[in-house]
Structures are given as structure tokens and as C-alpha cells.
N, C-alpha and C. Protein backbone atom coordinates (compact mmCIF):
# COMPACT_ATOMS: atom_id res chain seq x y z
N MET A 1 -31.71 -26.27 -9.15
CA MET A 1 -31.45 -27.32 -8.18
C MET A 1 -29.93 -27.53 -8.09
N SER A 2 -29.41 -27.52 -6.88
CA SER A 2 -27.97 -27.67 -6.69
C SER A 2 -27.53 -29.12 -6.93
N ASN A 3 -26.23 -29.30 -7.06
CA ASN A 3 -25.69 -30.66 -7.23
C ASN A 3 -26.07 -31.56 -6.06
N ILE A 4 -26.04 -30.98 -4.86
CA ILE A 4 -26.38 -31.77 -3.66
C ILE A 4 -27.84 -32.18 -3.72
N ASP A 5 -28.72 -31.23 -4.07
CA ASP A 5 -30.15 -31.54 -4.19
C ASP A 5 -30.40 -32.63 -5.23
N GLN A 6 -29.67 -32.56 -6.34
CA GLN A 6 -29.83 -33.57 -7.39
C GLN A 6 -29.38 -34.94 -6.90
N ALA A 7 -28.28 -34.98 -6.16
CA ALA A 7 -27.78 -36.26 -5.63
C ALA A 7 -28.78 -36.85 -4.64
N VAL A 8 -29.33 -36.00 -3.77
CA VAL A 8 -30.32 -36.47 -2.79
C VAL A 8 -31.57 -36.98 -3.51
N ALA A 9 -31.99 -36.26 -4.56
CA ALA A 9 -33.16 -36.69 -5.33
C ALA A 9 -32.90 -38.03 -6.01
N LEU A 10 -31.69 -38.24 -6.52
CA LEU A 10 -31.34 -39.51 -7.15
C LEU A 10 -31.42 -40.64 -6.12
N ILE A 11 -30.90 -40.40 -4.94
CA ILE A 11 -30.96 -41.42 -3.88
C ILE A 11 -32.41 -41.77 -3.56
N ALA A 12 -33.26 -40.75 -3.43
CA ALA A 12 -34.68 -40.99 -3.13
C ALA A 12 -35.36 -41.75 -4.25
N THR A 13 -35.04 -41.39 -5.50
CA THR A 13 -35.63 -42.08 -6.65
C THR A 13 -35.24 -43.56 -6.66
N LEU A 14 -33.98 -43.83 -6.43
CA LEU A 14 -33.51 -45.23 -6.43
C LEU A 14 -34.14 -46.02 -5.29
N ALA A 15 -34.29 -45.39 -4.13
CA ALA A 15 -34.88 -46.08 -2.98
C ALA A 15 -36.35 -46.42 -3.23
N ALA A 16 -37.03 -45.62 -4.04
CA ALA A 16 -38.46 -45.83 -4.29
C ALA A 16 -38.74 -46.83 -5.40
N LEU A 17 -37.74 -47.23 -6.17
CA LEU A 17 -37.98 -48.16 -7.28
C LEU A 17 -38.37 -49.53 -6.76
N ASP A 18 -39.30 -50.17 -7.48
CA ASP A 18 -39.69 -51.52 -7.08
C ASP A 18 -38.70 -52.54 -7.66
N THR A 19 -38.87 -53.77 -7.24
CA THR A 19 -37.97 -54.83 -7.72
C THR A 19 -38.68 -55.79 -8.65
N ASP A 20 -39.80 -55.35 -9.19
CA ASP A 20 -40.55 -56.19 -10.13
C ASP A 20 -39.86 -56.19 -11.49
N GLY A 21 -40.08 -57.23 -12.22
CA GLY A 21 -39.55 -57.30 -13.58
C GLY A 21 -39.19 -58.72 -13.93
N THR A 22 -39.04 -58.93 -15.21
CA THR A 22 -38.61 -60.24 -15.68
C THR A 22 -37.11 -60.39 -15.42
N ASP A 23 -36.64 -61.61 -15.52
CA ASP A 23 -35.21 -61.82 -15.30
C ASP A 23 -34.36 -60.99 -16.26
N PRO A 24 -34.67 -60.95 -17.56
CA PRO A 24 -33.86 -60.11 -18.46
C PRO A 24 -33.91 -58.62 -18.07
N GLU A 25 -35.08 -58.16 -17.62
CA GLU A 25 -35.18 -56.76 -17.18
C GLU A 25 -34.34 -56.51 -15.93
N LEU A 26 -34.37 -57.46 -15.01
CA LEU A 26 -33.56 -57.32 -13.79
C LEU A 26 -32.08 -57.32 -14.11
N ILE A 27 -31.67 -58.18 -15.04
CA ILE A 27 -30.27 -58.22 -15.45
C ILE A 27 -29.87 -56.87 -16.08
N ASP A 28 -30.75 -56.33 -16.93
CA ASP A 28 -30.47 -55.02 -17.54
C ASP A 28 -30.37 -53.93 -16.49
N GLU A 29 -31.23 -54.00 -15.47
CA GLU A 29 -31.17 -52.99 -14.41
C GLU A 29 -29.90 -53.14 -13.59
N ILE A 30 -29.50 -54.36 -13.31
CA ILE A 30 -28.24 -54.61 -12.59
C ILE A 30 -27.08 -54.02 -13.38
N THR A 31 -27.08 -54.22 -14.69
CA THR A 31 -26.04 -53.65 -15.55
C THR A 31 -26.04 -52.14 -15.47
N ALA A 32 -27.23 -51.55 -15.56
CA ALA A 32 -27.34 -50.09 -15.47
C ALA A 32 -26.86 -49.58 -14.11
N LEU A 33 -27.18 -50.29 -13.05
CA LEU A 33 -26.74 -49.87 -11.71
C LEU A 33 -25.22 -49.99 -11.56
N GLU A 34 -24.62 -50.99 -12.18
CA GLU A 34 -23.16 -51.10 -12.17
C GLU A 34 -22.53 -49.92 -12.88
N GLN A 35 -23.13 -49.51 -14.01
CA GLN A 35 -22.64 -48.34 -14.73
C GLN A 35 -22.82 -47.07 -13.90
N LEU A 36 -23.93 -47.01 -13.18
CA LEU A 36 -24.19 -45.87 -12.30
C LEU A 36 -23.14 -45.81 -11.17
N LYS A 37 -22.81 -46.96 -10.60
CA LYS A 37 -21.78 -46.99 -9.56
C LYS A 37 -20.45 -46.46 -10.09
N THR A 38 -20.11 -46.85 -11.31
CA THR A 38 -18.87 -46.37 -11.93
C THR A 38 -18.91 -44.86 -12.12
N ALA A 39 -20.04 -44.36 -12.61
CA ALA A 39 -20.18 -42.92 -12.83
C ALA A 39 -20.11 -42.16 -11.50
N ILE A 40 -20.71 -42.72 -10.46
CA ILE A 40 -20.68 -42.08 -9.15
C ILE A 40 -19.25 -42.06 -8.60
N SER A 41 -18.52 -43.15 -8.77
CA SER A 41 -17.13 -43.18 -8.31
C SER A 41 -16.28 -42.16 -9.05
N ALA A 42 -16.51 -42.04 -10.35
CA ALA A 42 -15.76 -41.05 -11.14
C ALA A 42 -16.10 -39.63 -10.68
N ARG A 43 -17.37 -39.37 -10.44
CA ARG A 43 -17.79 -38.05 -9.96
C ARG A 43 -17.15 -37.75 -8.60
N GLN A 44 -17.15 -38.73 -7.72
CA GLN A 44 -16.54 -38.55 -6.39
C GLN A 44 -15.05 -38.24 -6.53
N ALA A 45 -14.37 -38.91 -7.43
CA ALA A 45 -12.94 -38.64 -7.64
C ALA A 45 -12.72 -37.22 -8.15
N ARG A 46 -13.57 -36.76 -9.10
CA ARG A 46 -13.42 -35.40 -9.62
C ARG A 46 -13.68 -34.36 -8.54
N ILE A 47 -14.71 -34.59 -7.72
CA ILE A 47 -15.04 -33.64 -6.65
C ILE A 47 -13.93 -33.63 -5.60
N THR A 48 -13.41 -34.79 -5.26
CA THR A 48 -12.32 -34.88 -4.28
C THR A 48 -11.09 -34.14 -4.80
N ASP A 49 -10.77 -34.31 -6.08
CA ASP A 49 -9.63 -33.61 -6.66
C ASP A 49 -9.85 -32.09 -6.65
N ALA A 50 -11.04 -31.65 -7.02
CA ALA A 50 -11.34 -30.21 -7.02
C ALA A 50 -11.20 -29.64 -5.61
N PHE A 51 -11.66 -30.38 -4.61
CA PHE A 51 -11.53 -29.93 -3.23
C PHE A 51 -10.06 -29.86 -2.82
N ALA A 52 -9.27 -30.86 -3.17
CA ALA A 52 -7.85 -30.87 -2.82
C ALA A 52 -7.12 -29.70 -3.49
N VAL A 53 -7.42 -29.44 -4.76
CA VAL A 53 -6.81 -28.31 -5.47
C VAL A 53 -7.16 -27.00 -4.78
N SER A 54 -8.42 -26.85 -4.40
CA SER A 54 -8.87 -25.63 -3.71
C SER A 54 -8.14 -25.46 -2.38
N GLN A 55 -8.01 -26.54 -1.63
CA GLN A 55 -7.33 -26.47 -0.33
C GLN A 55 -5.86 -26.12 -0.50
N ARG A 56 -5.20 -26.71 -1.51
CA ARG A 56 -3.78 -26.38 -1.74
C ARG A 56 -3.63 -24.91 -2.13
N ALA A 57 -4.51 -24.42 -2.99
CA ALA A 57 -4.43 -23.01 -3.41
C ALA A 57 -4.62 -22.09 -2.21
N THR A 58 -5.56 -22.42 -1.35
CA THR A 58 -5.79 -21.61 -0.15
C THR A 58 -4.57 -21.65 0.76
N LEU A 59 -3.97 -22.82 0.91
CA LEU A 59 -2.77 -22.96 1.74
C LEU A 59 -1.62 -22.14 1.18
N ILE A 60 -1.41 -22.21 -0.14
CA ILE A 60 -0.32 -21.45 -0.77
C ILE A 60 -0.55 -19.95 -0.58
N GLN A 61 -1.78 -19.48 -0.76
CA GLN A 61 -2.07 -18.06 -0.56
C GLN A 61 -1.81 -17.65 0.88
N THR A 62 -2.21 -18.49 1.82
CA THR A 62 -2.00 -18.18 3.23
C THR A 62 -0.52 -18.11 3.56
N VAL A 63 0.24 -19.08 3.08
CA VAL A 63 1.69 -19.10 3.33
C VAL A 63 2.35 -17.88 2.69
N ASN A 64 1.96 -17.58 1.46
CA ASN A 64 2.56 -16.44 0.76
C ASN A 64 2.28 -15.12 1.47
N ARG A 65 1.12 -14.98 2.09
CA ARG A 65 0.78 -13.74 2.78
C ARG A 65 1.42 -13.65 4.17
N SER A 66 1.66 -14.80 4.79
CA SER A 66 2.13 -14.77 6.17
C SER A 66 3.64 -14.91 6.32
N THR A 67 4.35 -15.25 5.26
CA THR A 67 5.80 -15.44 5.33
C THR A 67 6.50 -14.11 5.06
N PRO A 68 7.32 -13.65 5.99
CA PRO A 68 8.02 -12.38 5.77
C PRO A 68 9.04 -12.50 4.63
N ALA A 69 9.29 -11.39 3.98
CA ALA A 69 10.26 -11.38 2.88
C ALA A 69 11.67 -11.62 3.41
N ALA A 70 12.46 -12.30 2.62
CA ALA A 70 13.84 -12.57 2.99
C ALA A 70 14.72 -11.39 2.60
N PRO A 71 15.85 -11.23 3.28
CA PRO A 71 16.77 -10.18 2.86
C PRO A 71 17.23 -10.45 1.42
N CYS A 72 17.44 -9.40 0.70
CA CYS A 72 17.79 -9.53 -0.71
C CYS A 72 19.29 -9.76 -0.88
N ALA A 73 19.60 -10.63 -1.84
CA ALA A 73 21.00 -10.85 -2.19
C ALA A 73 21.52 -9.63 -2.94
N PRO A 74 22.83 -9.41 -2.94
CA PRO A 74 23.37 -8.29 -3.71
C PRO A 74 22.96 -8.40 -5.18
N ARG A 75 22.72 -7.25 -5.82
CA ARG A 75 22.23 -7.24 -7.20
C ARG A 75 23.16 -8.00 -8.15
N SER A 76 24.44 -8.03 -7.86
CA SER A 76 25.39 -8.73 -8.72
C SER A 76 25.10 -10.23 -8.78
N ARG A 77 24.37 -10.76 -7.79
CA ARG A 77 24.05 -12.18 -7.75
C ARG A 77 22.66 -12.49 -8.28
N TRP A 78 21.93 -11.48 -8.74
CA TRP A 78 20.59 -11.72 -9.30
C TRP A 78 20.72 -12.39 -10.65
N PRO A 79 19.78 -13.28 -10.99
CA PRO A 79 19.80 -13.87 -12.33
C PRO A 79 19.60 -12.80 -13.39
N ALA A 80 20.18 -13.00 -14.56
CA ALA A 80 20.06 -12.04 -15.66
C ALA A 80 18.60 -11.76 -15.96
N GLY A 81 18.26 -10.49 -16.15
CA GLY A 81 16.90 -10.10 -16.50
C GLY A 81 15.96 -9.99 -15.32
N THR A 82 16.46 -10.17 -14.11
CA THR A 82 15.60 -10.09 -12.94
C THR A 82 15.36 -8.63 -12.59
N ALA A 83 14.10 -8.24 -12.43
CA ALA A 83 13.76 -6.85 -12.17
C ALA A 83 13.65 -6.54 -10.68
N GLN A 84 13.51 -7.56 -9.86
CA GLN A 84 13.42 -7.31 -8.42
C GLN A 84 14.19 -8.38 -7.67
N CYS A 85 14.36 -8.16 -6.41
CA CYS A 85 15.16 -9.06 -5.57
C CYS A 85 14.60 -10.47 -5.55
N PRO A 86 15.35 -11.45 -6.04
CA PRO A 86 14.90 -12.84 -5.97
C PRO A 86 15.43 -13.50 -4.69
N GLY A 87 14.91 -13.08 -3.55
CA GLY A 87 15.35 -13.63 -2.27
C GLY A 87 15.09 -15.12 -2.20
N PRO A 88 15.72 -15.80 -1.25
CA PRO A 88 15.58 -17.25 -1.16
C PRO A 88 14.15 -17.69 -0.90
N ILE A 89 13.39 -16.90 -0.16
CA ILE A 89 12.00 -17.29 0.09
C ILE A 89 11.19 -17.17 -1.20
N ALA A 90 11.41 -16.06 -1.93
CA ALA A 90 10.69 -15.89 -3.21
C ALA A 90 11.02 -17.02 -4.16
N GLN A 91 12.29 -17.39 -4.22
CA GLN A 91 12.69 -18.49 -5.09
C GLN A 91 12.05 -19.80 -4.63
N GLY A 92 12.03 -20.00 -3.33
CA GLY A 92 11.40 -21.21 -2.78
C GLY A 92 9.91 -21.24 -3.06
N ARG A 93 9.26 -20.09 -2.97
CA ARG A 93 7.83 -20.03 -3.26
C ARG A 93 7.56 -20.39 -4.71
N ARG A 94 8.38 -19.82 -5.61
CA ARG A 94 8.18 -20.12 -7.03
C ARG A 94 8.37 -21.62 -7.29
N LYS A 95 9.40 -22.19 -6.70
CA LYS A 95 9.67 -23.61 -6.88
C LYS A 95 8.52 -24.44 -6.32
N HIS A 96 8.04 -24.06 -5.14
CA HIS A 96 6.94 -24.77 -4.49
C HIS A 96 5.68 -24.70 -5.37
N ALA A 97 5.36 -23.52 -5.88
CA ALA A 97 4.19 -23.34 -6.75
C ALA A 97 4.34 -24.14 -8.03
N GLN A 98 5.54 -24.16 -8.60
CA GLN A 98 5.77 -24.93 -9.83
C GLN A 98 5.60 -26.43 -9.56
N ASP A 99 6.09 -26.90 -8.41
CA ASP A 99 5.94 -28.31 -8.06
C ASP A 99 4.47 -28.68 -7.96
N TYR A 100 3.66 -27.81 -7.34
CA TYR A 100 2.23 -28.08 -7.23
C TYR A 100 1.58 -28.11 -8.60
N GLU A 101 1.97 -27.18 -9.47
CA GLU A 101 1.38 -27.15 -10.81
C GLU A 101 1.71 -28.41 -11.57
N VAL A 102 2.94 -28.90 -11.44
CA VAL A 102 3.35 -30.12 -12.14
C VAL A 102 2.50 -31.29 -11.61
N ARG A 103 2.33 -31.38 -10.30
CA ARG A 103 1.55 -32.47 -9.72
C ARG A 103 0.09 -32.39 -10.14
N LEU A 104 -0.44 -31.18 -10.25
CA LEU A 104 -1.85 -31.02 -10.63
C LEU A 104 -2.09 -31.42 -12.07
N GLN A 105 -1.08 -31.34 -12.91
CA GLN A 105 -1.24 -31.68 -14.32
C GLN A 105 -1.21 -33.19 -14.54
N HIS A 106 -0.78 -33.94 -13.55
CA HIS A 106 -0.67 -35.40 -13.72
C HIS A 106 -1.79 -36.09 -13.06
């Protein structure tokens, strides 16, 4: 059963519950439903974050594939230990990717 099917089943189960019970039982159920609302909000936040991360990754891949390479600076201006041309676009891409990683960690 998929996550969506489970969520739909939970909605159906809750809709079918009766409202009978003693006052203490009703209070306990209200408490449980408040905890359920909190859990649902937390789940929604995690799913929203996962979707946003996926969309950013797709965007970065698309930009990286569609942006033409920049002309290379003379080798004398390459940072020490650099094995290939660190053009301004490549440097910008690395910086952009690092910025996203930093934001994703917080």
C-alpha cells in the first residue's frame, strides 16, 4: 500500500468513527487527535522539504547541462592543484551548489 493509499485510508477511518463515549474517553480522543494533527503537520513539512530538495536538484542539473562552458583563464591564473580550467561559470556553479548544500543542512 502506497503512502497516498495509507493517508486516504486514515481519512476514511477517521470519518467513520462514531462520537460515542464517556467524557473522559472523549477528552482522551481529543488529546490523541491533537497529537495526530501535530504528526500530520510534521509529515507534511518533511514531504514539502523533500519535494523542494528534489526540485532544486533538478533545476541545478538542468542549468548545468544547458549553460555553455566559459572561456578558460590562462593556466598561470589557475588555483594551485587545479587539473582543469576553472572558468568563471564552473566556479560559479561550484559556489551555487555549495550554497544550496549549506542551506539544505540547516
